[in-house]
Each structure stands twice: as C-alpha cells, then as structure tokens.
Amino acid sequence: MKALLCKLNISHKWHVEHAEDGSMYKRCLRCGKDDDERQRGGGEFSGWVGPVGGGGI
C-alpha cells in the first residue's frame, strides 16, 4: 500500500535510477512514481506565456 504522503502527492522519497540509455532520473522508493519535469518547473502550465496575437475585443 502506498504511503499517505505519496497518495496525496505531498512528499516522495526520491532515489536516483539509471535508464538503459545511461541517463539518470528519480523514482520514489515508497510508491514507484517517476519524477517528472512538471514538479520542478512549477506545474503543468509553467511554460505558458499567455495568449498570442493580441486578440483585442
């Protein structure tokens, strides 16, 4: 059973793993979730810069 903090996505126990291509990534030792870029980047919309083209009313 997953730890409560992992289920709530509040805290994970990250461990560095090696992929087949030699790159490294982090995986939680408690629940097995892989760390993704969104967690470090400030969320799902961190790359959004706003509407493009002005689009006045």
C-alpha atoms as a PDB file:
ATOM      1  CA  MET A   1       0.000   0.000   0.000  1.00  0.00           C
ATOM      2  CA  LYS A   2       1.285   3.480  -0.898  1.00  0.00           C
ATOM      3  CA  ALA A   3       2.276   5.840   1.872  1.00  0.00           C
ATOM      4  CA  LEU A   4      -0.276   8.572   2.580  1.00  0.00           C
ATOM      5  CA  LEU A   5       2.113  11.378   1.637  1.00  0.00           C
ATOM      6  CA  CYS A   6       2.724   9.738  -1.752  1.00  0.00           C
ATOM      7  CA  LYS A   7      -1.010   9.272  -2.346  1.00  0.00           C
ATOM      8  CA  LEU A   8      -1.608  12.947  -1.632  1.00  0.00           C
ATOM      9  CA  ASN A   9       1.414  13.844  -3.816  1.00  0.00           C
ATOM     10  CA  ILE A  10       2.842  15.886  -0.943  1.00  0.00           C
ATOM     11  CA  SER A  11       6.130  14.110  -0.399  1.00  0.00           C
ATOM     12  CA  HIS A  12       8.036  11.306  -2.080  1.00  0.00           C
ATOM     13  CA  LYS A  13      11.267   9.553  -1.101  1.00  0.00           C
ATOM     14  CA  TRP A  14      13.301  10.148  -4.288  1.00  0.00           C
ATOM     15  CA  HIS A  15      16.130   7.832  -5.319  1.00  0.00           C
ATOM     16  CA  VAL A  16      18.353   8.240  -8.391  1.00  0.00           C
ATOM     17  CA  GLU A  17      17.916   5.494 -11.010  1.00  0.00           C
ATOM     18  CA  HIS A  18      19.779   4.846 -14.269  1.00  0.00           C
ATOM     19  CA  ALA A  19      17.925   4.342 -17.555  1.00  0.00           C
ATOM     20  CA  GLU A  20      19.081   1.924 -20.254  1.00  0.00           C
ATOM     21  CA  ASP A  21      20.477   4.823 -22.308  1.00  0.00           C
ATOM     22  CA  GLY A  22      22.700   5.910 -19.405  1.00  0.00           C
ATOM     23  CA  SER A  23      20.647   8.927 -18.357  1.00  0.00           C
ATOM     24  CA  MET A  24      19.538   9.374 -14.769  1.00  0.00           C
ATOM     25  CA  TYR A  25      16.114  10.052 -13.293  1.00  0.00           C
ATOM     26  CA  LYS A  26      14.466   9.995  -9.878  1.00  0.00           C
ATOM     27  CA  ARG A  27      11.963   7.378  -8.670  1.00  0.00           C
ATOM     28  CA  CYS A  28      10.131   7.263  -5.344  1.00  0.00           C
ATOM     29  CA  LEU A  29      11.219   4.329  -3.189  1.00  0.00           C
ATOM     30  CA  ARG A  30       7.793   4.140  -1.490  1.00  0.00           C
ATOM     31  CA  CYS A  31       5.349   4.261  -4.410  1.00  0.00           C
ATOM     32  CA  GLY A  32       7.488   3.817  -7.555  1.00  0.00           C
ATOM     33  CA  LYS A  33       6.442   7.112  -9.183  1.00  0.00           C
ATOM     34  CA  ASP A  34       8.972   8.673 -11.570  1.00  0.00           C
ATOM     35  CA  ASP A  35       9.855  12.333 -11.035  1.00  0.00           C
ATOM     36  CA  ASP A  36       8.702  14.403 -13.984  1.00  0.00           C
ATOM     37  CA  GLU A  37       9.774  17.850 -15.203  1.00  0.00           C
ATOM     38  CA  ARG A  38       6.476  19.499 -14.217  1.00  0.00           C
ATOM     39  CA  GLN A  39       7.215  19.119 -10.500  1.00  0.00           C
ATOM     40  CA  ARG A  40      10.431  21.123 -10.818  1.00  0.00           C
ATOM     41  CA  GLY A  41       9.026  23.595 -13.342  1.00  0.00           C
ATOM     42  CA  GLY A  42       6.197  24.986 -11.259  1.00  0.00           C
ATOM     43  CA  GLY A  43       3.288  22.977 -12.543  1.00  0.00           C
ATOM     44  CA  GLU A  44       1.526  21.914 -15.681  1.00  0.00           C
ATOM     45  CA  PHE A  45       1.260  25.433 -17.119  1.00  0.00           C
ATOM     46  CA  SER A  46       4.742  26.696 -16.240  1.00  0.00           C
ATOM     47  CA  GLY A  47       5.681  27.119 -19.921  1.00  0.00           C
ATOM     48  CA  TRP A  48       2.548  29.094 -20.785  1.00  0.00           C
ATOM     49  CA  VAL A  49       3.306  32.725 -21.647  1.00  0.00           C
ATOM     50  CA  GLY A  50      -0.203  33.967 -22.346  1.00  0.00           C
ATOM     51  CA  PRO A  51      -2.385  34.448 -25.406  1.00  0.00           C
ATOM     52  CA  VAL A  52      -0.617  35.048 -28.703  1.00  0.00           C
ATOM     53  CA  GLY A  53      -1.629  37.626 -31.312  1.00  0.00           C
ATOM     54  CA  GLY A  54      -3.123  40.395 -29.172  1.00  0.00           C
ATOM     55  CA  GLY A  55      -6.737  39.462 -29.973  1.00  0.00           C
ATOM     56  CA  GLY A  56      -8.291  42.774 -28.952  1.00  0.00           C
ATOM     57  CA  ILE A  57     -12.010  42.933 -28.257  1.00  0.00           C
END
